[in-house]
C-alpha cells in the first residue's frame, strides 16, 4: 500500500480505502485515512517523543486508581465515514464508556492531544483540520502542545468552542480541573 504525500493524494488513481481496510492494515503501516487516502504522517523527533511519553506518564499517574484510559499514537479513531485519525494521545476519563479492546474505535475520547510538529503542513493539519474533525466526532477537549519554548500548550473545549490556555507545565491539578469541567 503506497502512502500518499498530501500534494500527490488528489492525483492518485488508486482505489480509496474504507475505514475497515485502514483499520486492518499491518501495524507497521503508518498513516491516517483522509477521504479514503492513506496520508503520510510526520516523522517525529526526540523532542516530540519526549513530550508524548511525559504526557502518557502524567495521565497514567493521574488515572491510576480512578479508572479511565490513556492511549498512544497507534489508537485508530474513526472520526467520520471517510476519515481515520491517530492522535498522539487519546484519554478516556473515569466514569465514561470504555473503548473497545480491539479494532477501530468509534467512541470519541474525552481528550485528544497532538504535539505540534515544526513543519507548516503538519501545523496546519493539527491546528485547523483536526480541530474541526475532532469537534464533529464528539471529542470534548483538544490539546495542542507545541514543544517550542516560547509557545505555551493550548487546550480547546470543543463542544462549547471555549478556548482554554494551559500552563506550559501541566500538573495533576490541571487534569483534575478538566475532569471537573467535563462533568
Protein backbone atom coordinates (compact mmCIF):
# COMPACT_ATOMS: atom_id res chain seq x y z
CA UNK A 1 0.00 0.00 0.00
CA UNK A 2 1.54 3.26 -1.08
CA UNK A 3 1.31 6.22 1.21
CA UNK A 4 0.36 9.46 -0.48
CA UNK A 5 2.08 12.72 0.25
CA UNK A 6 -0.61 15.44 0.53
CA UNK A 7 0.44 17.00 -2.78
CA UNK A 8 0.03 13.64 -4.51
CA UNK A 9 -3.10 12.49 -2.70
CA UNK A 10 -5.59 14.14 -5.05
CA UNK A 11 -3.80 12.91 -8.15
CA UNK A 12 -3.64 9.27 -7.16
CA UNK A 13 -5.66 6.80 -9.18
CA UNK A 14 -5.56 4.09 -6.52
CA UNK A 15 -8.80 2.73 -5.15
CA UNK A 16 -9.87 4.51 -1.99
CA UNK A 17 -9.60 2.69 1.33
CA UNK A 18 -12.54 2.14 3.64
CA UNK A 19 -12.22 2.69 7.38
CA UNK A 20 -12.31 -1.08 7.87
CA UNK A 21 -9.45 -1.62 5.42
CA UNK A 22 -7.44 1.15 7.08
CA UNK A 23 -8.01 -0.40 10.50
CA UNK A 24 -6.90 -3.82 9.21
CA UNK A 25 -3.60 -2.59 7.74
CA UNK A 26 -0.49 -4.12 9.31
CA UNK A 27 0.63 -2.34 12.46
CA UNK A 28 3.82 -1.11 10.81
CA UNK A 29 1.86 0.69 8.05
CA UNK A 30 1.92 4.31 9.13
CA UNK A 31 -0.59 6.93 8.12
CA UNK A 32 -4.00 8.41 8.72
CA UNK A 33 -7.02 8.00 6.46
CA UNK A 34 -8.18 11.23 4.81
CA UNK A 35 -11.09 10.94 2.39
CA UNK A 36 -10.18 7.33 1.66
CA UNK A 37 -6.49 8.05 1.02
CA UNK A 38 -3.73 6.86 3.33
CA UNK A 39 -1.81 10.04 4.16
CA UNK A 40 1.81 10.19 5.20
CA UNK A 41 2.41 11.00 8.85
CA UNK A 42 5.12 13.32 10.04
CA UNK A 43 8.28 11.71 11.32
CA UNK A 44 8.51 12.54 14.99
CA UNK A 45 11.76 13.69 16.53
CA UNK A 46 13.16 13.10 20.02
CA UNK A 47 11.50 16.24 21.46
CA UNK A 48 8.10 15.12 20.15
CA UNK A 49 8.54 11.66 21.67
CA UNK A 50 9.75 13.11 24.97
CA UNK A 51 6.62 15.27 25.26
CA UNK A 52 4.33 12.35 24.33
CA UNK A 53 5.90 9.95 26.84
CA UNK A 54 5.83 12.61 29.56
CA UNK A 55 2.12 13.24 28.96
CA UNK A 56 1.36 9.49 28.92
CA UNK A 57 3.13 9.14 32.28
CA UNK A 58 1.26 12.17 33.66
CA UNK A 59 -2.15 10.84 32.62
CA UNK A 60 -1.41 7.27 33.75
CA UNK A 61 -0.34 8.54 37.16
CA UNK A 62 -3.46 10.67 37.49
CA UNK A 63 -5.80 7.90 36.26
CA UNK A 64 -4.30 5.20 38.50
CA UNK A 65 -6.94 4.16 41.00
CA UNK A 66 -9.60 6.33 39.36
CA UNK A 67 -10.26 4.36 36.18
CA UNK A 68 -10.03 5.71 32.70
CA UNK A 69 -7.56 5.01 29.92
CA UNK A 70 -4.72 6.73 28.09
CA UNK A 71 -3.56 5.55 24.65
CA UNK A 72 -0.62 6.48 22.46
CA UNK A 73 -0.50 7.24 18.76
CA UNK A 74 -1.42 3.78 17.48
CA UNK A 75 -5.09 4.08 18.51
CA UNK A 76 -7.15 4.40 15.32
CA UNK A 77 -10.21 6.65 15.64
CA UNK A 78 -13.00 6.65 13.04
CA UNK A 79 -13.69 10.39 13.17
CA UNK A 80 -16.06 10.29 10.17
CA UNK A 81 -17.16 7.92 7.41
CA UNK A 82 -14.05 8.63 5.31
CA UNK A 83 -11.52 9.78 7.90
CA UNK A 84 -9.44 7.94 10.43
CA UNK A 85 -7.06 9.75 12.75
CA UNK A 86 -4.39 8.72 15.24
CA UNK A 87 -3.87 11.44 17.88
CA UNK A 88 -0.58 11.45 19.76
CA UNK A 89 -2.61 10.74 22.92
CA UNK A 90 -6.24 9.79 23.50
CA UNK A 91 -7.65 9.95 27.02
CA UNK A 92 -10.89 8.40 28.28
CA UNK A 93 -11.68 9.92 31.68
CA UNK A 94 -13.09 7.93 34.61
CA UNK A 95 -16.82 7.29 34.63
CA UNK A 96 -17.26 7.09 30.88
CA UNK A 97 -17.74 4.20 28.49
CA UNK A 98 -14.58 2.20 27.81
CA UNK A 99 -13.35 1.98 24.22
CA UNK A 100 -13.37 -1.43 22.51
CA UNK A 101 -10.45 -3.71 23.30
CA UNK A 102 -9.51 -4.23 19.66
CA UNK A 103 -10.01 -2.69 16.26
CA UNK A 104 -11.23 0.64 15.04
CA UNK A 105 -12.51 2.98 17.76
CA UNK A 106 -15.77 4.79 17.06
CA UNK A 107 -16.13 6.15 20.61
CA UNK A 108 -14.61 9.64 20.96
CA UNK A 109 -12.09 10.07 23.75
CA UNK A 110 -12.63 12.86 26.25
CA UNK A 111 -9.25 14.39 25.39
CA UNK A 112 -7.18 14.21 22.21
CA UNK A 113 -3.64 15.54 22.29
CA UNK A 114 -1.45 16.47 19.35
CA UNK A 115 2.17 17.53 19.78
CA UNK A 116 2.64 20.14 17.06
CA UNK A 117 5.37 19.45 14.54
CA UNK A 118 7.52 22.26 13.18
CA UNK A 119 6.53 21.91 9.50
CA UNK A 120 3.84 24.29 8.23
CA UNK A 121 1.90 21.42 6.59
CA UNK A 122 1.76 19.43 9.82
CA UNK A 123 0.99 22.52 11.90
CA UNK A 124 -1.96 23.43 9.64
CA UNK A 125 -3.30 19.89 9.85
CA UNK A 126 -3.04 19.82 13.66
CA UNK A 127 -4.32 23.36 14.32
CA UNK A 128 -7.12 23.58 11.75
CA UNK A 129 -8.15 20.31 10.10
CA UNK A 130 -8.04 18.02 13.11
CA UNK A 131 -9.72 20.53 15.42
CA UNK A 132 -12.83 20.57 13.23
CA UNK A 133 -12.81 16.80 12.77
CA UNK A 134 -12.35 16.09 16.47
CA UNK A 135 -15.12 18.52 17.40
CA UNK A 136 -17.55 16.93 14.93
CA UNK A 137 -16.57 13.48 16.22
CA UNK A 138 -17.50 14.48 19.78
CA UNK A 139 -14.12 14.88 21.48
CA UNK A 140 -14.61 17.31 24.34
CA UNK A 141 -11.07 18.62 24.77
CA UNK A 142 -8.33 19.04 22.19
CA UNK A 143 -4.88 19.85 23.49
CA UNK A 144 -2.23 21.24 21.17
CA UNK A 145 1.21 21.04 22.71
CA UNK A 146 3.94 22.98 20.95
CA UNK A 147 7.37 22.00 22.27
CA UNK A 148 8.85 25.33 21.13
CA UNK A 149 9.91 27.14 24.34
CA UNK A 150 8.13 30.40 23.50
CA UNK A 151 4.78 28.79 22.68
CA UNK A 152 2.57 27.52 25.51
CA UNK A 153 0.32 24.49 25.35
CA UNK A 154 -3.25 25.24 24.33
CA UNK A 155 -6.39 23.34 25.12
CA UNK A 156 -9.70 23.73 23.34
CA UNK A 157 -13.05 22.75 24.81
CA UNK A 158 -14.57 21.65 21.54
CA UNK A 159 -18.22 21.17 22.39
CA UNK A 160 -18.71 24.75 23.51
CA UNK A 161 -15.93 26.30 21.44
CA UNK A 162 -14.30 27.64 24.59
CA UNK A 163 -10.56 28.04 24.29
CA UNK A 164 -8.53 27.17 27.37
CA UNK A 165 -5.00 28.41 27.84
CA UNK A 166 -2.95 25.82 29.67
CA UNK A 167 0.18 26.36 31.63
CA UNK A 168 3.31 25.27 29.74
CA UNK A 169 3.90 22.86 32.62
CA UNK A 170 0.83 20.71 33.07
CA UNK A 171 0.15 19.31 36.52
CA UNK A 172 -2.09 16.82 38.27
CA UNK A 173 -4.39 19.69 39.27
CA UNK A 174 -4.75 20.68 35.59
CA UNK A 175 -6.06 17.22 34.75
CA UNK A 176 -8.31 17.20 37.83
CA UNK A 177 -9.71 20.62 36.85
CA UNK A 178 -10.52 19.32 33.37
CA UNK A 179 -12.38 16.35 34.82
CA UNK A 180 -14.41 18.74 36.98
CA UNK A 181 -15.30 20.91 33.94
CA UNK A 182 -16.08 17.87 31.77
CA UNK A 183 -18.91 16.71 34.02
